[in-house]
N, C-alpha and C. Protein backbone atom coordinates (compact mmCIF):
# COMPACT_ATOMS: atom_id res chain seq x y z
N MET A 1 95.32 54.43 111.19
CA MET A 1 94.55 55.60 111.51
C MET A 1 95.32 56.88 111.19
N LYS A 2 96.63 56.84 111.39
CA LYS A 2 97.43 58.03 111.11
C LYS A 2 97.47 58.35 109.62
N PHE A 3 97.27 57.31 108.78
CA PHE A 3 97.29 57.54 107.33
C PHE A 3 96.23 58.55 106.93
N PHE A 4 95.03 58.46 107.53
CA PHE A 4 93.93 59.34 107.15
C PHE A 4 94.16 60.78 107.59
N GLN A 5 95.08 60.98 108.49
CA GLN A 5 95.41 62.33 108.95
C GLN A 5 96.70 62.84 108.31
N SER A 6 97.32 62.01 107.50
CA SER A 6 98.61 62.38 106.93
C SER A 6 98.46 63.34 105.75
N ARG A 7 99.53 63.99 105.46
CA ARG A 7 99.58 64.92 104.33
C ARG A 7 99.36 64.18 103.01
N LYS A 8 99.92 62.98 102.91
CA LYS A 8 99.78 62.16 101.70
C LYS A 8 98.30 61.87 101.41
N PHE A 9 97.52 61.52 102.45
CA PHE A 9 96.10 61.25 102.27
C PHE A 9 95.36 62.50 101.82
N LYS A 10 95.70 63.64 102.39
CA LYS A 10 95.04 64.90 102.00
C LYS A 10 95.34 65.24 100.54
N ILE A 11 96.56 65.01 100.10
CA ILE A 11 96.92 65.29 98.71
C ILE A 11 96.19 64.34 97.76
N ILE A 12 96.16 63.05 98.12
CA ILE A 12 95.47 62.07 97.29
C ILE A 12 93.98 62.38 97.24
N GLY A 13 93.39 62.70 98.39
CA GLY A 13 91.96 63.02 98.44
C GLY A 13 91.61 64.26 97.63
N THR A 14 92.42 65.28 97.75
CA THR A 14 92.19 66.52 97.00
C THR A 14 92.33 66.27 95.50
N THR A 15 93.35 65.51 95.12
CA THR A 15 93.55 65.20 93.71
C THR A 15 92.39 64.38 93.16
N ALA A 16 91.91 63.41 93.93
CA ALA A 16 90.78 62.59 93.48
C ALA A 16 89.52 63.44 93.33
N LEU A 17 89.28 64.34 94.27
CA LEU A 17 88.11 65.20 94.19
C LEU A 17 88.17 66.10 92.95
N ILE A 18 89.32 66.68 92.70
CA ILE A 18 89.48 67.52 91.51
C ILE A 18 89.28 66.71 90.24
N ALA A 19 89.80 65.48 90.21
CA ALA A 19 89.63 64.62 89.03
C ALA A 19 88.16 64.31 88.79
N VAL A 20 87.42 64.02 89.85
CA VAL A 20 85.99 63.73 89.71
C VAL A 20 85.24 64.95 89.20
N LEU A 21 85.52 66.12 89.76
CA LEU A 21 84.85 67.35 89.32
C LEU A 21 85.17 67.68 87.86
N LEU A 22 86.42 67.50 87.47
CA LEU A 22 86.80 67.75 86.07
C LEU A 22 86.12 66.76 85.12
N THR A 23 85.99 65.52 85.54
CA THR A 23 85.30 64.52 84.72
C THR A 23 83.84 64.89 84.53
N ILE A 24 83.18 65.30 85.61
CA ILE A 24 81.77 65.70 85.52
C ILE A 24 81.63 66.92 84.60
N ALA A 25 82.50 67.89 84.74
CA ALA A 25 82.46 69.08 83.88
C ALA A 25 82.69 68.70 82.42
N PHE A 26 83.63 67.81 82.16
CA PHE A 26 83.91 67.38 80.80
C PHE A 26 82.69 66.71 80.17
N ILE A 27 82.04 65.83 80.92
CA ILE A 27 80.85 65.13 80.40
C ILE A 27 79.74 66.13 80.11
N PHE A 28 79.52 67.08 81.01
CA PHE A 28 78.49 68.10 80.82
C PHE A 28 78.77 68.92 79.56
N ILE A 29 80.00 69.38 79.40
CA ILE A 29 80.36 70.19 78.23
C ILE A 29 80.24 69.37 76.95
N LYS A 30 80.67 68.12 76.99
CA LYS A 30 80.58 67.23 75.82
C LYS A 30 79.12 67.03 75.40
N ASP A 31 78.24 66.77 76.36
CA ASP A 31 76.82 66.58 76.05
C ASP A 31 76.21 67.84 75.45
N LYS A 32 76.55 69.01 76.01
CA LYS A 32 76.02 70.27 75.46
C LYS A 32 76.50 70.49 74.03
N LYS A 33 77.77 70.19 73.76
CA LYS A 33 78.31 70.36 72.41
C LYS A 33 77.63 69.40 71.44
N GLU A 34 77.46 68.15 71.84
CA GLU A 34 76.78 67.18 70.98
C GLU A 34 75.34 67.61 70.69
N LEU A 35 74.67 68.15 71.69
CA LEU A 35 73.29 68.61 71.50
C LEU A 35 73.26 69.81 70.55
N ARG A 36 74.19 70.72 70.71
CA ARG A 36 74.25 71.89 69.83
C ARG A 36 74.55 71.49 68.38
N ASP A 37 75.44 70.52 68.20
CA ASP A 37 75.87 70.12 66.86
C ASP A 37 74.89 69.19 66.15
N ASN A 38 74.11 68.41 66.89
CA ASN A 38 73.23 67.41 66.29
C ASN A 38 71.96 67.35 67.12
N HIS A 39 70.89 67.95 66.60
CA HIS A 39 69.65 67.96 67.37
C HIS A 39 68.42 67.94 66.48
N LYS A 40 67.34 67.52 67.09
CA LYS A 40 65.99 67.58 66.52
C LYS A 40 65.09 68.11 67.62
N PHE A 41 63.81 68.27 67.28
CA PHE A 41 62.86 68.84 68.23
C PHE A 41 61.63 67.95 68.35
N THR A 42 61.06 67.93 69.53
CA THR A 42 59.81 67.24 69.78
C THR A 42 59.02 68.05 70.81
N VAL A 43 57.92 67.50 71.27
CA VAL A 43 57.08 68.17 72.26
C VAL A 43 57.30 67.50 73.62
N GLY A 44 57.50 68.32 74.64
CA GLY A 44 57.67 67.81 76.00
C GLY A 44 56.70 68.47 76.94
N THR A 45 56.45 67.79 78.05
CA THR A 45 55.49 68.29 79.03
C THR A 45 56.08 68.21 80.43
N PRO A 46 56.22 69.34 81.12
CA PRO A 46 56.61 69.29 82.53
C PRO A 46 55.51 68.60 83.33
N ILE A 47 55.89 67.61 84.12
CA ILE A 47 54.87 66.85 84.86
C ILE A 47 54.99 67.00 86.37
N ARG A 48 56.15 67.49 86.84
CA ARG A 48 56.33 67.52 88.29
C ARG A 48 57.40 68.55 88.65
N TYR A 49 57.22 69.13 89.82
CA TYR A 49 58.22 70.03 90.38
C TYR A 49 58.68 69.42 91.69
N ASP A 50 59.95 69.02 91.75
CA ASP A 50 60.50 68.38 92.94
C ASP A 50 61.28 69.38 93.77
N VAL A 51 60.96 69.45 95.05
CA VAL A 51 61.68 70.32 95.96
C VAL A 51 62.71 69.45 96.68
N ASN A 52 63.99 69.77 96.46
CA ASN A 52 65.09 69.02 97.07
C ASN A 52 65.90 69.97 97.93
N SER A 53 65.99 69.69 99.19
CA SER A 53 66.72 70.59 100.07
C SER A 53 68.23 70.55 99.85
N ASN A 54 68.76 69.42 99.40
CA ASN A 54 70.21 69.30 99.23
C ASN A 54 70.70 69.68 97.85
N THR A 55 69.98 69.31 96.83
CA THR A 55 70.48 69.49 95.46
C THR A 55 69.80 70.61 94.69
N GLY A 56 68.87 71.29 95.27
CA GLY A 56 68.13 72.32 94.55
C GLY A 56 66.84 71.75 93.99
N ASN A 57 66.02 72.59 93.43
CA ASN A 57 64.71 72.18 92.94
C ASN A 57 64.78 71.84 91.45
N ASP A 58 64.00 70.83 91.06
CA ASP A 58 64.03 70.35 89.68
C ASP A 58 62.63 70.30 89.08
N MET A 59 62.55 70.65 87.79
CA MET A 59 61.35 70.45 87.01
C MET A 59 61.55 69.14 86.24
N VAL A 60 60.62 68.22 86.35
CA VAL A 60 60.70 66.95 85.63
C VAL A 60 59.79 67.05 84.41
N TYR A 61 60.32 66.70 83.24
CA TYR A 61 59.53 66.75 82.02
C TYR A 61 59.66 65.43 81.27
N VAL A 62 58.64 65.13 80.46
CA VAL A 62 58.62 63.90 79.67
C VAL A 62 58.44 64.24 78.20
N TYR A 63 58.95 63.37 77.34
CA TYR A 63 58.80 63.49 75.89
C TYR A 63 58.97 62.11 75.29
N THR A 64 58.50 61.93 74.07
CA THR A 64 58.53 60.62 73.43
C THR A 64 59.26 60.72 72.10
N ILE A 65 60.22 59.80 71.89
CA ILE A 65 60.96 59.68 70.63
C ILE A 65 60.87 58.22 70.19
N ASP A 66 60.45 57.99 68.95
CA ASP A 66 60.32 56.63 68.41
C ASP A 66 59.58 55.71 69.38
N ASN A 67 58.48 56.19 69.91
CA ASN A 67 57.61 55.46 70.82
C ASN A 67 58.28 55.04 72.14
N VAL A 68 59.37 55.71 72.50
CA VAL A 68 60.01 55.50 73.79
C VAL A 68 59.83 56.77 74.61
N ARG A 69 59.33 56.63 75.82
CA ARG A 69 59.09 57.79 76.68
C ARG A 69 60.34 58.06 77.52
N TYR A 70 60.78 59.31 77.50
CA TYR A 70 61.94 59.75 78.27
C TYR A 70 61.49 60.72 79.34
N SER A 71 62.17 60.68 80.45
CA SER A 71 61.91 61.59 81.55
C SER A 71 63.24 62.21 81.96
N GLN A 72 63.28 63.53 81.99
CA GLN A 72 64.49 64.26 82.36
C GLN A 72 64.11 65.35 83.35
N SER A 73 65.11 65.90 83.98
CA SER A 73 64.87 67.01 84.90
C SER A 73 65.90 68.10 84.67
N PHE A 74 65.55 69.29 85.11
CA PHE A 74 66.49 70.40 85.04
C PHE A 74 66.23 71.31 86.23
N PRO A 75 67.27 72.02 86.68
CA PRO A 75 67.09 72.91 87.82
C PRO A 75 66.12 74.04 87.48
N CYS A 76 65.23 74.32 88.41
CA CYS A 76 64.24 75.36 88.17
C CYS A 76 63.89 76.01 89.51
N SER A 77 64.12 77.29 89.59
CA SER A 77 63.78 78.02 90.81
C SER A 77 62.31 78.40 90.75
N ASP A 78 61.58 78.07 91.79
CA ASP A 78 60.14 78.34 91.80
C ASP A 78 59.82 79.65 92.50
N PHE A 79 60.63 80.66 92.21
CA PHE A 79 60.41 81.98 92.79
C PHE A 79 59.04 82.50 92.37
N HIS A 80 58.21 82.80 93.32
CA HIS A 80 56.82 83.25 93.09
C HIS A 80 55.99 82.21 92.33
N GLY A 81 56.31 80.93 92.47
CA GLY A 81 55.50 79.86 91.87
C GLY A 81 55.64 79.73 90.37
N GLY A 82 56.67 80.31 89.76
CA GLY A 82 56.82 80.29 88.30
C GLY A 82 56.91 78.90 87.69
N CYS A 83 57.70 78.02 88.29
CA CYS A 83 57.87 76.68 87.72
C CYS A 83 56.60 75.85 87.86
N ARG A 84 55.94 76.00 88.97
CA ARG A 84 54.73 75.19 89.19
C ARG A 84 53.64 75.52 88.18
N THR A 85 53.62 76.73 87.65
CA THR A 85 52.60 77.10 86.68
C THR A 85 52.84 76.45 85.31
N LEU A 86 54.02 75.89 85.10
CA LEU A 86 54.36 75.28 83.81
C LEU A 86 53.93 73.82 83.71
N ILE A 87 53.56 73.22 84.83
CA ILE A 87 53.21 71.80 84.84
C ILE A 87 52.01 71.55 83.92
N ASN A 88 52.14 70.49 83.11
CA ASN A 88 51.14 70.03 82.15
C ASN A 88 50.95 70.96 80.95
N LYS A 89 51.82 71.93 80.77
CA LYS A 89 51.82 72.73 79.55
C LYS A 89 52.82 72.09 78.59
N HIS A 90 52.79 72.48 77.34
CA HIS A 90 53.64 71.84 76.34
C HIS A 90 54.69 72.82 75.81
N PHE A 91 55.92 72.33 75.74
CA PHE A 91 57.04 73.11 75.24
C PHE A 91 57.85 72.23 74.29
N TYR A 92 58.61 72.89 73.43
CA TYR A 92 59.49 72.12 72.56
C TYR A 92 60.69 71.62 73.36
N VAL A 93 61.17 70.46 72.96
CA VAL A 93 62.35 69.85 73.56
C VAL A 93 63.37 69.66 72.46
N MET A 94 64.59 70.13 72.69
CA MET A 94 65.71 69.87 71.78
C MET A 94 66.37 68.60 72.28
N PHE A 95 66.58 67.62 71.40
CA PHE A 95 67.21 66.37 71.82
C PHE A 95 68.22 65.92 70.77
N ASN A 96 69.16 65.11 71.20
CA ASN A 96 70.16 64.55 70.30
C ASN A 96 69.60 63.23 69.77
N PRO A 97 69.40 63.08 68.44
CA PRO A 97 68.82 61.86 67.91
C PRO A 97 69.68 60.61 68.15
N ASP A 98 70.98 60.78 68.34
CA ASP A 98 71.86 59.65 68.62
C ASP A 98 71.82 59.26 70.10
N ASN A 99 71.37 60.16 70.94
CA ASN A 99 71.27 59.93 72.38
C ASN A 99 70.07 60.74 72.88
N PRO A 100 68.84 60.23 72.70
CA PRO A 100 67.65 61.02 73.03
C PRO A 100 67.55 61.47 74.48
N GLN A 101 68.29 60.85 75.38
CA GLN A 101 68.25 61.30 76.77
C GLN A 101 69.01 62.62 76.95
N ASN A 102 69.83 62.98 75.99
CA ASN A 102 70.52 64.26 76.01
C ASN A 102 69.55 65.29 75.43
N SER A 103 68.91 66.03 76.31
CA SER A 103 67.84 66.93 75.86
C SER A 103 67.84 68.22 76.67
N GLU A 104 67.04 69.14 76.16
CA GLU A 104 66.87 70.43 76.83
C GLU A 104 65.44 70.90 76.61
N LEU A 105 64.73 71.18 77.70
CA LEU A 105 63.37 71.72 77.61
C LEU A 105 63.47 73.20 77.29
N LEU A 106 62.80 73.64 76.24
CA LEU A 106 62.91 75.02 75.77
C LEU A 106 61.70 75.82 76.27
N LEU A 107 61.83 76.39 77.45
CA LEU A 107 60.72 77.12 78.07
C LEU A 107 60.36 78.39 77.31
N ASP A 108 61.27 78.89 76.49
CA ASP A 108 60.98 80.08 75.69
C ASP A 108 60.17 79.75 74.43
N PHE A 109 59.90 78.47 74.19
CA PHE A 109 59.20 78.04 72.99
C PHE A 109 58.01 77.16 73.35
N PRO A 110 56.91 77.78 73.80
CA PRO A 110 55.71 76.98 74.08
C PRO A 110 55.11 76.45 72.78
N VAL A 111 54.50 75.29 72.87
CA VAL A 111 53.88 74.66 71.70
C VAL A 111 52.47 75.22 71.54
N PRO A 112 52.14 75.72 70.34
CA PRO A 112 50.77 76.23 70.15
C PRO A 112 49.74 75.10 70.20
N ASP A 113 48.52 75.47 70.53
CA ASP A 113 47.44 74.48 70.63
C ASP A 113 47.17 73.78 69.31
N SER A 114 47.54 74.40 68.19
CA SER A 114 47.29 73.80 66.88
C SER A 114 48.17 72.57 66.64
N ILE A 115 49.24 72.41 67.38
CA ILE A 115 50.12 71.24 67.24
C ILE A 115 49.77 70.28 68.36
N THR A 116 49.26 69.12 67.99
CA THR A 116 48.82 68.16 69.00
C THR A 116 49.87 67.10 69.31
N LYS A 117 50.75 66.79 68.33
CA LYS A 117 51.82 65.85 68.62
C LYS A 117 52.93 66.01 67.58
N ALA A 118 54.10 65.48 67.93
CA ALA A 118 55.28 65.57 67.05
C ALA A 118 55.43 64.28 66.26
N PRO A 119 56.15 64.34 65.13
CA PRO A 119 56.47 63.10 64.44
C PRO A 119 57.29 62.19 65.36
N THR A 120 57.20 60.89 65.19
CA THR A 120 57.86 59.96 66.11
C THR A 120 59.37 60.17 66.18
N GLU A 121 59.99 60.61 65.09
CA GLU A 121 61.45 60.83 65.09
C GLU A 121 61.81 62.30 65.35
N GLY A 122 60.81 63.17 65.50
CA GLY A 122 61.04 64.58 65.79
C GLY A 122 61.14 65.42 64.52
N TRP A 123 61.22 66.73 64.70
CA TRP A 123 61.39 67.69 63.61
C TRP A 123 62.84 68.12 63.51
N ASN A 124 63.28 68.48 62.31
CA ASN A 124 64.61 69.06 62.14
C ASN A 124 64.64 70.51 62.62
N LYS A 125 63.51 71.18 62.51
CA LYS A 125 63.36 72.57 62.97
C LYS A 125 62.00 72.67 63.66
N ILE A 126 61.89 73.66 64.54
CA ILE A 126 60.58 73.89 65.17
C ILE A 126 59.65 74.43 64.09
N PRO A 127 58.46 73.84 63.95
CA PRO A 127 57.53 74.30 62.91
C PRO A 127 57.10 75.75 63.12
N ASN A 128 56.94 76.44 62.00
CA ASN A 128 56.42 77.81 61.97
C ASN A 128 57.30 78.83 62.69
N ILE A 129 58.58 78.53 62.86
CA ILE A 129 59.53 79.46 63.46
C ILE A 129 60.59 79.77 62.41
N PRO A 130 60.84 81.04 62.09
CA PRO A 130 61.86 81.36 61.09
C PRO A 130 63.25 80.87 61.53
N ASP A 131 64.12 80.62 60.56
CA ASP A 131 65.45 80.10 60.85
C ASP A 131 66.21 80.96 61.86
N TRP A 132 66.12 82.26 61.75
CA TRP A 132 66.88 83.11 62.65
C TRP A 132 66.40 83.06 64.09
N GLN A 133 65.17 82.55 64.30
CA GLN A 133 64.63 82.41 65.65
C GLN A 133 64.77 81.00 66.21
N GLN A 134 65.26 80.07 65.39
CA GLN A 134 65.42 78.69 65.86
C GLN A 134 66.40 78.65 67.03
N PRO A 135 66.08 77.89 68.07
CA PRO A 135 66.96 77.86 69.24
C PRO A 135 68.25 77.09 68.98
N LYS A 136 69.26 77.44 69.72
CA LYS A 136 70.54 76.75 69.72
C LYS A 136 70.80 76.34 71.17
N SER A 137 71.41 75.19 71.36
CA SER A 137 71.77 74.78 72.71
C SER A 137 72.87 75.69 73.23
N GLU A 138 72.76 76.08 74.49
CA GLU A 138 73.75 76.99 75.07
C GLU A 138 74.82 76.27 75.82
């Protein structure tokens, strides 16, 4: 019992916590870099807004690549109901073709009604958007 109150335990615990946090940060940064360096685009649809008291609120969106349906979430603050109004609307999704679960819903790029679906493998660029306006992963 004294071990858990010892200085050695506190040092080991603090070191382990820092190692876990650094690992999570490294994975997050690596995924963002891979998405920025290698991406395609498809159409995604927000389907649900989850209110989580512990982890924050998330928007859940779905998209399909090569006939496989993916579901991802991202933090979204529903200040004045903004996120809830996006449900069932269509937006472009940037995804990594080598790892389609690595994706980003692009809320600044709504899909026009004239586009009903994306090619099964996605687009290299968002259609009808000039090169200088094409999104980059942040």
